[in-house]
Amino acid sequence: MTFDSVKQERSKTLYKCLKTSSKG
């Protein structure tokens, strides 16, 4: 796993959390 992929996964999870928190 490259650092780039890790960053991508992290941002994806962060984005999901932000979307969920803003919705609720």
C-alpha atoms as a PDB file:
ATOM      1  CA  MET A   1       0.000   0.000   0.000  1.00  0.00           C
ATOM      2  CA  THR A   2       1.464   3.303  -1.056  1.00  0.00           C
ATOM      3  CA  PHE A   3       1.240   6.517   0.927  1.00  0.00           C
ATOM      4  CA  ASP A   4      -0.931   8.018  -1.804  1.00  0.00           C
ATOM      5  CA  SER A   5      -3.523   5.267  -1.537  1.00  0.00           C
ATOM      6  CA  VAL A   6      -3.559   5.631   2.242  1.00  0.00           C
ATOM      7  CA  LYS A   7      -4.209   9.352   1.913  1.00  0.00           C
ATOM      8  CA  GLN A   8      -6.985   8.672  -0.572  1.00  0.00           C
ATOM      9  CA  GLU A   9      -8.671   6.169   1.744  1.00  0.00           C
ATOM     10  CA  ARG A  10      -8.371   8.562   4.657  1.00  0.00           C
ATOM     11  CA  SER A  11      -9.884  11.471   2.763  1.00  0.00           C
ATOM     12  CA  LYS A  12     -12.656   9.182   1.548  1.00  0.00           C
ATOM     13  CA  THR A  13     -13.521   8.152   5.097  1.00  0.00           C
ATOM     14  CA  LEU A  14     -13.284  11.738   6.297  1.00  0.00           C
ATOM     15  CA  TYR A  15     -15.585  12.882   3.524  1.00  0.00           C
ATOM     16  CA  LYS A  16     -18.102  10.182   4.435  1.00  0.00           C
ATOM     17  CA  CYS A  17     -18.014  11.180   8.100  1.00  0.00           C
ATOM     18  CA  LEU A  18     -18.459  14.847   7.226  1.00  0.00           C
ATOM     19  CA  LYS A  19     -21.418  14.089   4.993  1.00  0.00           C
ATOM     20  CA  THR A  20     -23.058  11.969   7.682  1.00  0.00           C
ATOM     21  CA  SER A  21     -22.474  14.528  10.433  1.00  0.00           C
ATOM     22  CA  SER A  22     -23.794  17.394   8.312  1.00  0.00           C
ATOM     23  CA  LYS A  23     -26.875  15.350   7.460  1.00  0.00           C
ATOM     24  CA  GLY A  24     -27.692  14.425  11.038  1.00  0.00           C
END
